[in-house]
Amino acid sequence: MKILTLILTQFLLIFNAYSQSNINNHCVHKPDTLDGQEVYKIVEVQPEYKGGSNKFYYEFSEIIKYTWKKDDITDTKYFYTFVIDTTGNIRNFCTIKPKGITVDEEKLKKLNNWTPGTQRGKKVPVRIIIPVIVEPG
């Protein structure tokens, strides 16, 4: 039985508007660039996970491992951020508030199954930020 359950909220629109204004840490640098290109936060066509968001949420939840005890949890809000590059691959994966959280890097590579985002008809790198609420139990 799982000790913790994840509630992954809708991320295609909510994470961009909310989290870009509230996250300022080691994961996102200014200017936000990837291979010399600006990393967009909001684009005309958002990146999409092949198979849909439900499949992504399920597969993403399978790569996260929590190593803390119930009493160690001081904040239940966490964020994961990464960039979907112009080829549809995940780059610059980072956990915000990472204490007690590990990610299986090999399994993360299997999530490189995205349709890139576009701006004015051109594929561009797009930052994805996923808010997660951990419920001890």
N, C-alpha and C. Protein backbone atom coordinates (compact mmCIF):
# COMPACT_ATOMS: atom_id res chain seq x y z
N MET A 1 0.85 -1.18 0.00
CA MET A 1 0.00 0.00 0.00
C MET A 1 0.89 1.24 0.00
N LYS A 2 0.52 2.17 -0.78
CA LYS A 2 1.31 3.39 -0.85
C LYS A 2 1.10 4.24 0.39
N ILE A 3 2.19 4.78 0.90
CA ILE A 3 2.13 5.64 2.06
C ILE A 3 1.67 7.04 1.65
N LEU A 4 2.10 7.45 0.49
CA LEU A 4 1.74 8.78 0.01
C LEU A 4 0.93 8.67 -1.27
N THR A 5 0.02 9.56 -1.44
CA THR A 5 -0.71 9.63 -2.70
C THR A 5 -0.43 10.98 -3.35
N LEU A 6 -0.42 10.96 -4.65
CA LEU A 6 -0.17 12.20 -5.38
C LEU A 6 -1.46 12.71 -5.98
N ILE A 7 -1.60 13.98 -5.93
CA ILE A 7 -2.67 14.62 -6.67
C ILE A 7 -1.99 15.51 -7.69
N LEU A 8 -2.05 15.10 -8.92
CA LEU A 8 -1.45 15.90 -9.99
C LEU A 8 -2.57 16.70 -10.65
N THR A 9 -2.43 18.00 -10.61
CA THR A 9 -3.46 18.87 -11.16
C THR A 9 -3.25 19.08 -12.65
N GLN A 10 -4.27 19.62 -13.29
CA GLN A 10 -4.14 19.90 -14.72
C GLN A 10 -2.94 20.80 -14.93
N PHE A 11 -2.11 20.50 -15.93
CA PHE A 11 -0.88 21.27 -16.06
C PHE A 11 -0.76 22.06 -17.34
N LEU A 12 -1.54 21.82 -18.33
CA LEU A 12 -1.31 22.50 -19.60
C LEU A 12 -1.50 24.01 -19.53
N LEU A 13 -2.49 24.48 -18.78
CA LEU A 13 -2.69 25.92 -18.68
C LEU A 13 -2.37 26.46 -17.31
N ILE A 14 -2.75 25.76 -16.28
CA ILE A 14 -2.63 26.27 -14.92
C ILE A 14 -1.18 26.48 -14.51
N PHE A 15 -0.31 25.49 -14.78
CA PHE A 15 1.06 25.58 -14.28
C PHE A 15 1.80 26.77 -14.87
N ASN A 16 1.55 27.09 -16.13
CA ASN A 16 2.27 28.21 -16.73
C ASN A 16 1.93 29.53 -16.07
N ALA A 17 0.65 29.81 -15.94
CA ALA A 17 0.24 31.10 -15.39
C ALA A 17 0.58 31.22 -13.91
N TYR A 18 0.32 30.19 -13.14
CA TYR A 18 0.53 30.25 -11.69
C TYR A 18 1.99 30.14 -11.32
N SER A 19 2.62 29.10 -11.76
CA SER A 19 3.94 28.79 -11.23
C SER A 19 5.05 29.68 -11.76
N GLN A 20 4.91 30.22 -12.94
CA GLN A 20 5.97 31.08 -13.44
C GLN A 20 6.11 32.33 -12.58
N SER A 21 5.00 32.80 -12.03
CA SER A 21 5.07 33.99 -11.20
C SER A 21 5.49 33.69 -9.77
N ASN A 22 5.40 32.44 -9.35
CA ASN A 22 5.66 32.09 -7.96
C ASN A 22 6.94 31.30 -7.73
N ILE A 23 7.64 30.91 -8.76
CA ILE A 23 8.83 30.10 -8.58
C ILE A 23 10.07 30.89 -8.96
N ASN A 24 10.94 31.04 -8.01
CA ASN A 24 12.20 31.72 -8.24
C ASN A 24 13.25 30.97 -7.44
N ASN A 25 13.99 30.10 -8.10
CA ASN A 25 14.94 29.26 -7.38
C ASN A 25 16.03 28.77 -8.30
N HIS A 26 16.72 27.73 -7.86
CA HIS A 26 17.85 27.19 -8.61
C HIS A 26 17.46 26.50 -9.91
N CYS A 27 16.21 26.19 -10.12
CA CYS A 27 15.80 25.44 -11.31
C CYS A 27 15.61 26.33 -12.54
N VAL A 28 15.22 27.56 -12.33
CA VAL A 28 14.92 28.45 -13.45
C VAL A 28 15.85 29.66 -13.36
N HIS A 29 16.67 29.83 -14.38
CA HIS A 29 17.62 30.93 -14.41
C HIS A 29 17.13 32.00 -15.38
N LYS A 30 17.55 33.22 -15.15
CA LYS A 30 17.20 34.31 -16.07
C LYS A 30 18.47 34.76 -16.76
N PRO A 31 18.50 34.89 -18.05
CA PRO A 31 17.39 34.55 -18.94
C PRO A 31 17.26 33.03 -19.06
N ASP A 32 16.03 32.57 -19.25
CA ASP A 32 15.74 31.15 -19.38
C ASP A 32 15.99 30.75 -20.84
N THR A 33 17.10 30.05 -21.07
CA THR A 33 17.46 29.66 -22.43
C THR A 33 17.83 28.18 -22.48
N LEU A 34 17.75 27.60 -23.66
CA LEU A 34 18.16 26.23 -23.92
C LEU A 34 18.84 26.22 -25.28
N ASP A 35 20.09 25.83 -25.28
CA ASP A 35 20.88 25.80 -26.52
C ASP A 35 20.83 27.14 -27.27
N GLY A 36 20.86 28.23 -26.50
CA GLY A 36 20.87 29.56 -27.09
C GLY A 36 19.51 30.09 -27.50
N GLN A 37 18.46 29.30 -27.35
CA GLN A 37 17.11 29.73 -27.70
C GLN A 37 16.35 30.12 -26.44
N GLU A 38 15.49 31.12 -26.55
CA GLU A 38 14.62 31.48 -25.44
C GLU A 38 13.70 30.31 -25.12
N VAL A 39 13.52 30.04 -23.82
CA VAL A 39 12.56 29.04 -23.39
C VAL A 39 11.25 29.77 -23.11
N TYR A 40 10.22 29.36 -23.81
CA TYR A 40 8.91 30.00 -23.67
C TYR A 40 8.16 29.42 -22.49
N LYS A 41 7.30 30.24 -21.93
CA LYS A 41 6.44 29.81 -20.84
C LYS A 41 5.02 29.59 -21.33
N ILE A 42 4.60 30.45 -22.22
CA ILE A 42 3.27 30.34 -22.83
C ILE A 42 3.46 30.44 -24.33
N VAL A 43 2.88 29.49 -25.05
CA VAL A 43 3.00 29.47 -26.51
C VAL A 43 1.63 29.26 -27.13
N GLU A 44 1.56 29.49 -28.42
CA GLU A 44 0.29 29.32 -29.13
C GLU A 44 -0.19 27.88 -29.08
N VAL A 45 0.74 26.93 -29.27
CA VAL A 45 0.40 25.51 -29.19
C VAL A 45 1.30 24.88 -28.15
N GLN A 46 0.70 24.45 -27.02
CA GLN A 46 1.46 23.85 -25.93
C GLN A 46 2.00 22.47 -26.33
N PRO A 47 3.12 22.06 -25.73
CA PRO A 47 3.58 20.68 -25.95
C PRO A 47 2.52 19.71 -25.45
N GLU A 48 2.42 18.57 -26.11
CA GLU A 48 1.46 17.54 -25.71
C GLU A 48 2.17 16.21 -25.58
N TYR A 49 1.85 15.49 -24.51
CA TYR A 49 2.41 14.16 -24.32
C TYR A 49 1.64 13.20 -25.21
N LYS A 50 2.37 12.42 -25.99
CA LYS A 50 1.73 11.45 -26.88
C LYS A 50 1.07 10.38 -26.02
N GLY A 51 -0.22 10.25 -26.18
CA GLY A 51 -0.98 9.34 -25.33
C GLY A 51 -1.87 10.09 -24.36
N GLY A 52 -1.67 11.40 -24.26
CA GLY A 52 -2.53 12.23 -23.44
C GLY A 52 -2.01 12.49 -22.05
N SER A 53 -2.65 13.45 -21.39
CA SER A 53 -2.19 13.87 -20.07
C SER A 53 -2.38 12.80 -19.01
N ASN A 54 -3.46 12.01 -19.09
CA ASN A 54 -3.65 10.95 -18.09
C ASN A 54 -2.52 9.93 -18.14
N LYS A 55 -2.10 9.58 -19.34
CA LYS A 55 -0.99 8.63 -19.48
C LYS A 55 0.29 9.24 -18.92
N PHE A 56 0.52 10.53 -19.21
CA PHE A 56 1.70 11.19 -18.67
C PHE A 56 1.68 11.20 -17.15
N TYR A 57 0.56 11.59 -16.54
CA TYR A 57 0.46 11.63 -15.08
C TYR A 57 0.77 10.26 -14.48
N TYR A 58 0.21 9.23 -15.06
CA TYR A 58 0.44 7.87 -14.54
C TYR A 58 1.93 7.51 -14.64
N GLU A 59 2.51 7.69 -15.82
CA GLU A 59 3.91 7.33 -16.02
C GLU A 59 4.84 8.21 -15.18
N PHE A 60 4.50 9.47 -15.04
CA PHE A 60 5.31 10.38 -14.23
C PHE A 60 5.28 9.95 -12.76
N SER A 61 4.11 9.60 -12.27
CA SER A 61 3.99 9.19 -10.86
C SER A 61 4.79 7.92 -10.58
N GLU A 62 5.02 7.10 -11.60
CA GLU A 62 5.78 5.86 -11.42
C GLU A 62 7.28 6.09 -11.26
N ILE A 63 7.79 7.25 -11.67
CA ILE A 63 9.24 7.49 -11.58
C ILE A 63 9.64 8.24 -10.32
N ILE A 64 8.66 8.73 -9.56
CA ILE A 64 8.96 9.50 -8.35
C ILE A 64 9.00 8.57 -7.16
N LYS A 65 10.06 8.68 -6.37
CA LYS A 65 10.21 7.89 -5.16
C LYS A 65 10.37 8.83 -3.98
N TYR A 66 9.58 8.61 -2.95
CA TYR A 66 9.66 9.42 -1.75
C TYR A 66 10.37 8.62 -0.66
N THR A 67 11.39 9.24 -0.05
CA THR A 67 12.21 8.53 0.93
C THR A 67 12.05 9.09 2.34
N TRP A 68 11.06 9.92 2.57
CA TRP A 68 10.89 10.49 3.89
C TRP A 68 9.82 9.73 4.66
N LYS A 69 9.78 10.02 5.96
CA LYS A 69 8.74 9.47 6.81
C LYS A 69 7.62 10.48 6.93
N LYS A 70 6.47 10.01 7.30
CA LYS A 70 5.28 10.86 7.41
C LYS A 70 5.55 12.10 8.27
N ASP A 71 6.26 11.93 9.38
CA ASP A 71 6.54 13.05 10.28
C ASP A 71 7.54 14.05 9.72
N ASP A 72 8.27 13.67 8.66
CA ASP A 72 9.27 14.55 8.06
C ASP A 72 8.67 15.59 7.13
N ILE A 73 7.43 15.42 6.75
CA ILE A 73 6.82 16.31 5.76
C ILE A 73 6.45 17.64 6.42
N THR A 74 7.08 18.70 5.96
CA THR A 74 6.79 20.03 6.49
C THR A 74 6.01 20.88 5.50
N ASP A 75 6.11 20.56 4.24
CA ASP A 75 5.39 21.30 3.21
C ASP A 75 4.86 20.28 2.21
N THR A 76 3.60 20.32 1.91
CA THR A 76 3.02 19.33 1.02
C THR A 76 2.96 19.77 -0.43
N LYS A 77 3.45 20.98 -0.72
CA LYS A 77 3.44 21.48 -2.09
C LYS A 77 4.85 21.39 -2.69
N TYR A 78 4.94 20.74 -3.82
CA TYR A 78 6.21 20.59 -4.52
C TYR A 78 5.99 20.91 -5.98
N PHE A 79 7.07 21.19 -6.69
CA PHE A 79 6.98 21.46 -8.11
C PHE A 79 8.08 20.69 -8.83
N TYR A 80 7.76 20.22 -9.99
CA TYR A 80 8.75 19.64 -10.89
C TYR A 80 8.76 20.52 -12.13
N THR A 81 9.93 20.79 -12.64
CA THR A 81 10.01 21.61 -13.84
C THR A 81 10.98 20.98 -14.83
N PHE A 82 10.68 21.16 -16.09
CA PHE A 82 11.55 20.69 -17.16
C PHE A 82 11.20 21.45 -18.42
N VAL A 83 12.04 21.31 -19.41
CA VAL A 83 11.82 21.96 -20.69
C VAL A 83 11.56 20.88 -21.73
N ILE A 84 10.53 21.08 -22.54
CA ILE A 84 10.31 20.24 -23.72
C ILE A 84 11.04 20.93 -24.86
N ASP A 85 12.07 20.28 -25.39
CA ASP A 85 12.85 20.91 -26.45
C ASP A 85 12.14 20.79 -27.80
N THR A 86 12.79 21.28 -28.83
CA THR A 86 12.16 21.32 -30.16
C THR A 86 12.02 19.95 -30.81
N THR A 87 12.62 18.93 -30.19
CA THR A 87 12.47 17.57 -30.73
C THR A 87 11.49 16.74 -29.89
N GLY A 88 10.92 17.34 -28.84
CA GLY A 88 9.95 16.63 -28.01
C GLY A 88 10.57 15.88 -26.85
N ASN A 89 11.81 16.20 -26.50
CA ASN A 89 12.48 15.53 -25.39
C ASN A 89 12.47 16.39 -24.14
N ILE A 90 12.48 15.73 -22.98
CA ILE A 90 12.56 16.42 -21.70
C ILE A 90 14.01 16.80 -21.45
N ARG A 91 14.24 18.05 -21.07
CA ARG A 91 15.58 18.53 -20.75
C ARG A 91 15.50 19.33 -19.46
N ASN A 92 16.61 19.42 -18.76
CA ASN A 92 16.75 20.25 -17.56
C ASN A 92 15.69 19.94 -16.50
N PHE A 93 15.47 18.66 -16.23
CA PHE A 93 14.51 18.26 -15.21
C PHE A 93 15.02 18.70 -13.84
N CYS A 94 14.14 19.25 -13.02
CA CYS A 94 14.54 19.73 -11.70
C CYS A 94 13.36 19.62 -10.74
N THR A 95 13.66 19.26 -9.50
CA THR A 95 12.66 19.20 -8.45
C THR A 95 12.84 20.42 -7.56
N ILE A 96 11.77 21.14 -7.34
CA ILE A 96 11.80 22.29 -6.45
C ILE A 96 11.35 21.78 -5.08
N LYS A 97 12.15 22.05 -4.06
CA LYS A 97 12.00 21.48 -2.72
C LYS A 97 12.28 19.98 -2.78
N PRO A 98 13.48 19.58 -3.19
CA PRO A 98 13.76 18.18 -3.48
C PRO A 98 14.06 17.28 -2.28
N LYS A 99 14.10 17.76 -1.07
CA LYS A 99 14.48 16.92 0.06
C LYS A 99 13.57 15.70 0.17
N GLY A 100 14.18 14.54 0.15
CA GLY A 100 13.43 13.30 0.32
C GLY A 100 12.75 12.80 -0.94
N ILE A 101 13.06 13.39 -2.08
CA ILE A 101 12.44 12.98 -3.34
C ILE A 101 13.54 12.56 -4.30
N THR A 102 13.39 11.41 -4.92
CA THR A 102 14.31 10.99 -5.97
C THR A 102 13.50 10.64 -7.21
N VAL A 103 14.17 10.77 -8.34
CA VAL A 103 13.53 10.48 -9.62
C VAL A 103 14.39 9.46 -10.34
N ASP A 104 13.77 8.43 -10.87
CA ASP A 104 14.48 7.41 -11.63
C ASP A 104 14.85 8.01 -12.99
N GLU A 105 16.13 8.36 -13.15
CA GLU A 105 16.59 9.04 -14.37
C GLU A 105 16.39 8.20 -15.63
N GLU A 106 16.56 6.89 -15.53
CA GLU A 106 16.36 6.03 -16.71
C GLU A 106 14.90 6.02 -17.14
N LYS A 107 14.01 5.93 -16.17
CA LYS A 107 12.58 5.96 -16.50
C LYS A 107 12.16 7.33 -17.01
N LEU A 108 12.81 8.37 -16.51
CA LEU A 108 12.51 9.73 -16.98
C LEU A 108 12.76 9.83 -18.49
N LYS A 109 13.81 9.19 -18.96
CA LYS A 109 14.13 9.23 -20.39
C LYS A 109 13.01 8.62 -21.23
N LYS A 110 12.27 7.68 -20.64
CA LYS A 110 11.16 7.05 -21.38
C LYS A 110 9.98 8.00 -21.57
N LEU A 111 10.01 9.12 -20.85
CA LEU A 111 8.93 10.11 -21.01
C LEU A 111 9.23 11.11 -22.12
N ASN A 112 10.29 10.87 -22.89
CA ASN A 112 10.62 11.73 -24.04
C ASN A 112 9.70 11.40 -25.19
N ASN A 113 8.44 11.70 -25.01
CA ASN A 113 7.43 11.32 -25.98
C ASN A 113 6.44 12.47 -26.16
N TRP A 114 6.98 13.63 -26.46
CA TRP A 114 6.16 14.84 -26.54
C TRP A 114 6.12 15.39 -27.97
N THR A 115 5.02 16.02 -28.28
CA THR A 115 4.94 16.85 -29.47
C THR A 115 5.38 18.24 -29.03
N PRO A 116 6.41 18.81 -29.65
CA PRO A 116 6.93 20.11 -29.19
C PRO A 116 5.89 21.22 -29.30
N GLY A 117 6.06 22.23 -28.47
CA GLY A 117 5.22 23.42 -28.56
C GLY A 117 5.64 24.28 -29.73
N THR A 118 4.72 25.10 -30.21
CA THR A 118 5.05 25.98 -31.33
C THR A 118 4.60 27.40 -31.05
N GLN A 119 5.37 28.32 -31.61
CA GLN A 119 5.05 29.74 -31.55
C GLN A 119 5.22 30.30 -32.95
N ARG A 120 4.17 30.89 -33.49
CA ARG A 120 4.18 31.42 -34.87
C ARG A 120 4.62 30.36 -35.88
N GLY A 121 4.15 29.14 -35.66
CA GLY A 121 4.43 28.05 -36.59
C GLY A 121 5.81 27.41 -36.46
N LYS A 122 6.61 27.88 -35.51
CA LYS A 122 7.97 27.37 -35.33
C LYS A 122 8.05 26.59 -34.02
N LYS A 123 8.72 25.41 -34.05
CA LYS A 123 8.93 24.64 -32.83
C LYS A 123 9.87 25.41 -31.91
N VAL A 124 9.48 25.51 -30.64
CA VAL A 124 10.28 26.26 -29.66
C VAL A 124 10.35 25.46 -28.36
N PRO A 125 11.42 25.67 -27.57
CA PRO A 125 11.47 25.03 -26.25
C PRO A 125 10.46 25.67 -25.31
N VAL A 126 9.79 24.84 -24.51
CA VAL A 126 8.75 25.33 -23.61
C VAL A 126 8.98 24.75 -22.21
N ARG A 127 8.96 25.62 -21.21
CA ARG A 127 9.11 25.17 -19.82
C ARG A 127 7.78 24.64 -19.31
N ILE A 128 7.84 23.46 -18.71
CA ILE A 128 6.68 22.83 -18.08
C ILE A 128 6.93 22.85 -16.58
N ILE A 129 5.93 23.24 -15.82
CA ILE A 129 6.03 23.21 -14.37
C ILE A 129 4.80 22.47 -13.86
N ILE A 130 5.05 21.41 -13.09
CA ILE A 130 3.96 20.59 -12.58
C ILE A 130 3.86 20.76 -11.08
N PRO A 131 2.77 21.32 -10.60
CA PRO A 131 2.57 21.39 -9.15
C PRO A 131 2.09 20.03 -8.64
N VAL A 132 2.59 19.63 -7.49
CA VAL A 132 2.20 18.35 -6.89
C VAL A 132 1.88 18.59 -5.43
N ILE A 133 0.80 18.00 -4.98
CA ILE A 133 0.45 18.03 -3.57
C ILE A 133 0.60 16.62 -3.03
N VAL A 134 1.40 16.49 -1.98
CA VAL A 134 1.62 15.19 -1.37
C VAL A 134 0.73 15.09 -0.16
N GLU A 135 -0.03 14.02 -0.09
CA GLU A 135 -0.90 13.78 1.05
C GLU A 135 -0.38 12.60 1.85
N PRO A 136 0.15 12.85 3.05
CA PRO A 136 0.61 11.74 3.89
C PRO A 136 -0.59 10.85 4.24
N GLY A 137 -0.33 9.57 4.29
CA GLY A 137 -1.45 8.72 4.66
C GLY A 137 -1.22 7.28 4.40
